[in-house]
N, C-alpha and C. Protein backbone atom coordinates (compact mmCIF):
# COMPACT_ATOMS: atom_id res chain seq x y z
N UNK A 1 154.13 6.38 40.67
CA UNK A 1 152.70 6.13 40.85
C UNK A 1 152.38 4.72 40.36
N UNK A 2 151.70 3.97 41.19
CA UNK A 2 151.25 2.62 40.80
C UNK A 2 149.74 2.55 40.92
N UNK A 3 149.13 1.88 39.96
CA UNK A 3 147.67 1.80 39.90
C UNK A 3 147.28 0.34 39.75
N UNK A 4 146.34 -0.12 40.56
CA UNK A 4 145.88 -1.51 40.49
C UNK A 4 144.36 -1.53 40.45
N UNK A 5 143.82 -1.98 39.31
CA UNK A 5 142.36 -2.02 39.14
C UNK A 5 141.78 -3.35 39.63
N UNK A 6 140.51 -3.29 39.94
CA UNK A 6 139.74 -4.49 40.27
C UNK A 6 138.27 -4.20 40.04
N UNK A 7 137.46 -5.25 40.08
CA UNK A 7 136.02 -5.06 40.00
C UNK A 7 135.38 -5.41 38.68
N UNK A 8 136.17 -5.74 37.68
CA UNK A 8 135.60 -6.13 36.41
C UNK A 8 134.90 -7.48 36.51
N UNK A 9 134.19 -7.82 35.44
CA UNK A 9 133.50 -9.10 35.42
C UNK A 9 132.47 -9.13 34.31
N UNK A 10 131.62 -10.14 34.36
CA UNK A 10 130.57 -10.31 33.37
C UNK A 10 129.23 -9.96 33.99
N UNK A 11 128.41 -9.25 33.24
CA UNK A 11 127.11 -8.81 33.74
C UNK A 11 126.13 -8.76 32.58
N UNK A 12 124.88 -8.92 32.90
CA UNK A 12 123.86 -8.82 31.87
C UNK A 12 123.55 -7.36 31.58
N UNK A 13 123.08 -7.11 30.38
CA UNK A 13 122.69 -5.76 29.99
C UNK A 13 121.67 -5.21 30.99
N UNK A 14 121.86 -3.95 31.36
CA UNK A 14 121.01 -3.33 32.36
C UNK A 14 121.55 -3.44 33.77
N UNK A 15 122.56 -4.24 33.96
CA UNK A 15 123.14 -4.44 35.27
C UNK A 15 124.16 -3.38 35.64
N UNK A 16 124.82 -3.59 36.79
CA UNK A 16 125.77 -2.62 37.32
C UNK A 16 127.06 -3.30 37.75
N UNK A 17 128.12 -2.53 37.71
CA UNK A 17 129.43 -2.96 38.23
C UNK A 17 130.12 -1.74 38.81
N UNK A 18 130.98 -1.98 39.78
CA UNK A 18 131.82 -0.89 40.29
C UNK A 18 133.27 -1.29 40.16
N UNK A 19 134.02 -0.49 39.44
CA UNK A 19 135.45 -0.69 39.30
C UNK A 19 136.18 0.12 40.37
N UNK A 20 137.30 -0.42 40.82
CA UNK A 20 138.12 0.28 41.80
C UNK A 20 139.56 0.31 41.32
N UNK A 21 140.27 1.37 41.68
CA UNK A 21 141.68 1.52 41.33
C UNK A 21 142.40 2.04 42.55
N UNK A 22 143.24 1.19 43.14
CA UNK A 22 144.03 1.61 44.30
C UNK A 22 145.27 2.32 43.80
N UNK A 23 145.51 3.48 44.36
CA UNK A 23 146.58 4.37 43.88
C UNK A 23 147.67 4.49 44.93
N UNK A 24 148.91 4.36 44.52
CA UNK A 24 150.03 4.66 45.41
C UNK A 24 150.81 5.80 44.77
N UNK A 25 151.09 6.81 45.56
CA UNK A 25 151.78 7.98 45.03
C UNK A 25 150.82 9.13 44.80
N UNK A 26 151.41 10.32 44.69
CA UNK A 26 150.59 11.51 44.52
C UNK A 26 150.04 11.62 43.09
N UNK A 27 148.78 11.98 43.00
CA UNK A 27 148.17 12.22 41.69
C UNK A 27 147.32 13.47 41.73
N UNK A 28 147.09 14.08 40.61
CA UNK A 28 146.19 15.22 40.51
C UNK A 28 144.99 14.81 39.68
N UNK A 29 145.17 14.66 38.38
CA UNK A 29 144.07 14.22 37.52
C UNK A 29 144.10 12.70 37.40
N UNK A 30 142.89 12.11 37.43
CA UNK A 30 142.78 10.67 37.24
C UNK A 30 141.61 10.40 36.31
N UNK A 31 141.67 9.25 35.66
CA UNK A 31 140.63 8.96 34.68
C UNK A 31 140.48 7.46 34.48
N UNK A 32 139.35 7.12 33.91
CA UNK A 32 139.10 5.76 33.43
C UNK A 32 139.02 5.80 31.91
N UNK A 33 139.74 4.88 31.29
CA UNK A 33 139.69 4.68 29.85
C UNK A 33 139.20 3.27 29.58
N UNK A 34 138.80 3.03 28.34
CA UNK A 34 138.44 1.67 27.95
C UNK A 34 138.87 1.43 26.52
N UNK A 35 139.08 0.16 26.23
CA UNK A 35 139.46 -0.23 24.87
C UNK A 35 138.78 -1.54 24.53
N UNK A 36 137.95 -1.48 23.52
CA UNK A 36 137.28 -2.67 23.01
C UNK A 36 138.12 -3.27 21.90
N UNK A 37 137.98 -4.56 21.63
CA UNK A 37 138.76 -5.20 20.56
C UNK A 37 138.58 -4.49 19.23
N UNK A 38 139.69 -4.17 18.58
CA UNK A 38 139.63 -3.53 17.29
C UNK A 38 139.34 -2.04 17.32
N UNK A 39 139.24 -1.47 18.50
CA UNK A 39 138.93 -0.04 18.61
C UNK A 39 140.03 0.69 19.36
N UNK A 40 140.06 1.99 19.19
CA UNK A 40 141.04 2.80 19.91
C UNK A 40 140.61 2.97 21.37
N UNK A 41 141.61 3.22 22.19
CA UNK A 41 141.31 3.49 23.60
C UNK A 41 140.59 4.82 23.70
N UNK A 42 139.57 4.88 24.52
CA UNK A 42 138.79 6.11 24.67
C UNK A 42 138.62 6.47 26.14
N UNK A 43 138.61 7.75 26.39
CA UNK A 43 138.38 8.23 27.75
C UNK A 43 136.91 8.11 28.11
N UNK A 44 136.65 7.64 29.32
CA UNK A 44 135.28 7.43 29.79
C UNK A 44 134.88 8.49 30.80
N UNK A 45 135.74 8.71 31.78
CA UNK A 45 135.45 9.69 32.83
C UNK A 45 136.76 10.12 33.47
N UNK A 46 136.78 11.35 33.95
CA UNK A 46 137.98 11.88 34.59
C UNK A 46 137.58 12.71 35.80
N UNK A 47 138.51 12.80 36.75
CA UNK A 47 138.27 13.59 37.95
C UNK A 47 139.59 14.21 38.37
N UNK A 48 139.50 15.42 38.91
CA UNK A 48 140.70 16.13 39.30
C UNK A 48 140.77 16.27 40.82
N UNK A 49 141.88 16.81 41.31
CA UNK A 49 142.05 16.98 42.75
C UNK A 49 140.99 17.89 43.35
N UNK A 50 140.40 18.74 42.52
CA UNK A 50 139.32 19.62 42.97
C UNK A 50 137.98 18.91 43.02
N UNK A 51 137.97 17.65 42.58
CA UNK A 51 136.77 16.81 42.49
C UNK A 51 135.84 17.16 41.34
N UNK A 52 136.27 18.06 40.47
CA UNK A 52 135.49 18.30 39.26
C UNK A 52 135.65 17.09 38.35
N UNK A 53 134.61 16.76 37.63
CA UNK A 53 134.64 15.55 36.80
C UNK A 53 134.14 15.82 35.39
N UNK A 54 134.51 14.91 34.52
CA UNK A 54 134.15 14.99 33.10
C UNK A 54 133.75 13.60 32.63
N UNK A 55 132.75 13.54 31.75
CA UNK A 55 132.28 12.25 31.25
C UNK A 55 132.17 12.26 29.73
N UNK A 56 132.43 11.12 29.14
CA UNK A 56 132.15 10.95 27.73
C UNK A 56 130.63 10.95 27.53
N UNK A 57 130.20 11.45 26.40
CA UNK A 57 128.76 11.53 26.13
C UNK A 57 128.10 10.15 26.21
N UNK A 58 128.84 9.13 25.81
CA UNK A 58 128.28 7.78 25.75
C UNK A 58 127.95 7.20 27.12
N UNK A 59 128.49 7.78 28.18
CA UNK A 59 128.26 7.22 29.53
C UNK A 59 127.59 8.20 30.48
N UNK A 60 127.36 9.42 30.04
CA UNK A 60 126.72 10.41 30.91
C UNK A 60 125.38 9.91 31.42
N UNK A 61 125.16 10.07 32.71
CA UNK A 61 123.92 9.63 33.31
C UNK A 61 123.91 8.16 33.71
N UNK A 62 124.91 7.42 33.27
CA UNK A 62 125.00 5.99 33.61
C UNK A 62 126.22 5.66 34.47
N UNK A 63 127.32 6.36 34.26
CA UNK A 63 128.56 6.11 34.99
C UNK A 63 128.84 7.28 35.93
N UNK A 64 129.47 6.95 37.07
CA UNK A 64 129.87 7.98 38.02
C UNK A 64 131.30 7.70 38.47
N UNK A 65 132.16 8.70 38.32
CA UNK A 65 133.54 8.58 38.81
C UNK A 65 133.63 9.26 40.17
N UNK A 66 134.38 8.65 41.07
CA UNK A 66 134.55 9.23 42.39
C UNK A 66 135.87 8.76 42.97
N UNK A 67 136.26 9.37 44.06
CA UNK A 67 137.50 8.95 44.71
C UNK A 67 137.34 9.04 46.20
N UNK A 68 138.03 8.15 46.89
CA UNK A 68 138.07 8.14 48.34
C UNK A 68 139.52 8.40 48.73
N UNK A 69 139.82 9.62 49.11
CA UNK A 69 141.20 9.98 49.40
C UNK A 69 141.74 9.21 50.61
N UNK A 70 140.89 8.90 51.55
CA UNK A 70 141.33 8.17 52.75
C UNK A 70 141.77 6.75 52.39
N UNK A 71 141.16 6.19 51.35
CA UNK A 71 141.50 4.83 50.93
C UNK A 71 142.41 4.82 49.70
N UNK A 72 142.78 6.00 49.22
CA UNK A 72 143.62 6.10 48.01
C UNK A 72 143.03 5.29 46.87
N UNK A 73 141.75 5.42 46.68
CA UNK A 73 141.06 4.60 45.69
C UNK A 73 140.17 5.45 44.79
N UNK A 74 140.25 5.15 43.51
CA UNK A 74 139.40 5.75 42.49
C UNK A 74 138.34 4.73 42.11
N UNK A 75 137.12 5.20 41.92
CA UNK A 75 136.03 4.29 41.58
C UNK A 75 135.36 4.70 40.26
N UNK A 76 134.74 3.71 39.64
CA UNK A 76 133.86 3.98 38.52
C UNK A 76 132.61 3.12 38.72
N UNK A 77 131.53 3.77 39.10
CA UNK A 77 130.25 3.08 39.26
C UNK A 77 129.55 3.08 37.91
N UNK A 78 129.26 1.90 37.41
CA UNK A 78 128.64 1.76 36.09
C UNK A 78 127.26 1.14 36.24
N UNK A 79 126.26 1.82 35.71
CA UNK A 79 124.89 1.33 35.80
C UNK A 79 124.28 1.30 34.40
N UNK A 80 123.15 0.63 34.29
CA UNK A 80 122.46 0.51 32.99
C UNK A 80 123.43 0.11 31.89
N UNK A 81 124.22 -0.90 32.19
CA UNK A 81 125.27 -1.31 31.26
C UNK A 81 124.70 -1.85 29.97
N UNK A 82 125.42 -1.57 28.88
CA UNK A 82 125.02 -2.00 27.54
C UNK A 82 126.11 -2.89 26.96
N UNK A 83 125.76 -3.64 25.95
CA UNK A 83 126.74 -4.51 25.30
C UNK A 83 127.93 -3.70 24.78
N UNK A 84 127.66 -2.49 24.33
CA UNK A 84 128.74 -1.66 23.79
C UNK A 84 129.68 -1.12 24.86
N UNK A 85 129.38 -1.36 26.12
CA UNK A 85 130.30 -1.00 27.20
C UNK A 85 131.36 -2.07 27.42
N UNK A 86 131.22 -3.20 26.73
CA UNK A 86 132.20 -4.28 26.85
C UNK A 86 133.57 -3.81 26.39
N UNK A 87 134.56 -3.95 27.26
CA UNK A 87 135.90 -3.46 26.95
C UNK A 87 136.83 -3.80 28.12
N UNK A 88 138.12 -3.59 27.88
CA UNK A 88 139.08 -3.59 28.97
C UNK A 88 139.11 -2.17 29.51
N UNK A 89 138.96 -2.04 30.80
CA UNK A 89 138.93 -0.73 31.44
C UNK A 89 140.25 -0.48 32.17
N UNK A 90 140.79 0.71 31.96
CA UNK A 90 142.07 1.09 32.54
C UNK A 90 141.94 2.33 33.40
N UNK A 91 142.63 2.32 34.50
CA UNK A 91 142.77 3.47 35.36
C UNK A 91 144.03 4.23 34.92
N UNK A 92 143.95 5.55 34.89
CA UNK A 92 145.08 6.36 34.47
C UNK A 92 145.24 7.55 35.41
N UNK A 93 146.49 8.02 35.56
CA UNK A 93 146.74 9.11 36.48
C UNK A 93 147.85 10.02 35.97
N UNK A 94 147.78 11.26 36.43
CA UNK A 94 148.82 12.25 36.14
C UNK A 94 149.14 12.99 37.43
N UNK A 95 150.39 13.34 37.59
CA UNK A 95 150.79 14.07 38.79
C UNK A 95 150.38 15.54 38.73
N UNK A 96 150.11 16.03 37.53
CA UNK A 96 149.70 17.42 37.38
C UNK A 96 148.32 17.47 36.75
N UNK A 97 147.71 18.64 36.85
CA UNK A 97 146.39 18.84 36.25
C UNK A 97 146.51 18.75 34.73
N UNK A 98 145.68 17.92 34.12
CA UNK A 98 145.82 17.69 32.68
C UNK A 98 145.05 18.70 31.85
N UNK A 99 144.26 19.53 32.49
CA UNK A 99 143.50 20.53 31.74
C UNK A 99 142.09 20.09 31.44
N UNK A 100 141.41 20.91 30.71
CA UNK A 100 139.99 20.68 30.46
C UNK A 100 139.74 19.50 29.53
N UNK A 101 140.71 19.14 28.71
CA UNK A 101 140.56 18.01 27.78
C UNK A 101 140.97 16.73 28.49
N UNK A 102 140.29 16.43 29.58
CA UNK A 102 140.73 15.38 30.49
C UNK A 102 140.51 13.97 29.97
N UNK A 103 139.74 13.80 28.91
CA UNK A 103 139.50 12.47 28.38
C UNK A 103 140.44 12.14 27.23
N UNK A 104 141.36 13.02 26.97
CA UNK A 104 142.36 12.75 25.93
C UNK A 104 143.43 11.85 26.51
N UNK A 105 144.00 10.99 25.70
CA UNK A 105 145.00 10.02 26.14
C UNK A 105 146.33 10.71 26.39
N UNK A 106 146.48 11.33 27.56
CA UNK A 106 147.67 12.12 27.85
C UNK A 106 148.24 11.78 29.22
N UNK A 107 147.77 10.67 29.80
CA UNK A 107 148.19 10.32 31.14
C UNK A 107 149.45 9.48 31.12
N UNK A 108 150.30 9.71 32.10
CA UNK A 108 151.59 9.01 32.13
C UNK A 108 151.52 7.66 32.82
N UNK A 109 150.64 7.53 33.79
CA UNK A 109 150.62 6.33 34.62
C UNK A 109 149.34 5.53 34.35
N UNK A 110 149.52 4.21 34.19
CA UNK A 110 148.40 3.35 33.81
C UNK A 110 148.37 2.07 34.64
N UNK A 111 147.17 1.59 34.89
CA UNK A 111 147.02 0.30 35.52
C UNK A 111 147.06 -0.81 34.48
N UNK A 112 146.90 -2.05 34.95
CA UNK A 112 147.00 -3.20 34.06
C UNK A 112 145.70 -3.51 33.34
N UNK A 113 144.61 -2.94 33.80
CA UNK A 113 143.32 -3.14 33.16
C UNK A 113 142.47 -4.19 33.83
N UNK A 114 141.17 -4.05 33.70
CA UNK A 114 140.22 -5.03 34.20
C UNK A 114 139.11 -5.17 33.16
N UNK A 115 138.75 -6.42 32.85
CA UNK A 115 137.81 -6.69 31.77
C UNK A 115 136.36 -6.55 32.24
N UNK A 116 135.58 -5.86 31.45
CA UNK A 116 134.13 -5.76 31.67
C UNK A 116 133.43 -6.33 30.45
N UNK A 117 132.57 -7.31 30.68
CA UNK A 117 131.83 -7.94 29.59
C UNK A 117 130.33 -7.83 29.88
N UNK A 118 129.59 -7.25 28.94
CA UNK A 118 128.14 -7.08 29.10
C UNK A 118 127.45 -7.87 28.01
N UNK A 119 126.57 -8.76 28.41
CA UNK A 119 125.88 -9.60 27.42
C UNK A 119 124.36 -9.48 27.54
C-alpha cells in the first residue's frame, strides 16, 4: 500500500483546506493523523470500508473525512480552521478493519505528510 498526500498549505484562521491522499493497494480502515511540533501524533478522523467514520472531539463539526473509491482517494475537508490545527497531517491505512478504536496509532501504512499552517 502506498499513500501520497497533498493539499496542505497556509491559511488564515476561519478558513478551509481540503487534504487528499491517493491510495494504491487494497485498504479497509483509513485515517488522518496529525503531529504538531513537540506533541504526540494524534488521530483526527477515520473511515472504514463500510463508510462509517470517527472523529476526534477537537475537530467534530469542523472536519469531514470521505473517500472516492473510483479515484482511490481519501479526503479530509477542514473548515473553521484554528491556530491549534497547525500540524503535519498524515494519511494512514490498514488492510484490515482496525476496530472501534480507529483513532489509535495502529496503522501499518503511512504517507509522507503534508503541512497545514493556520495563522
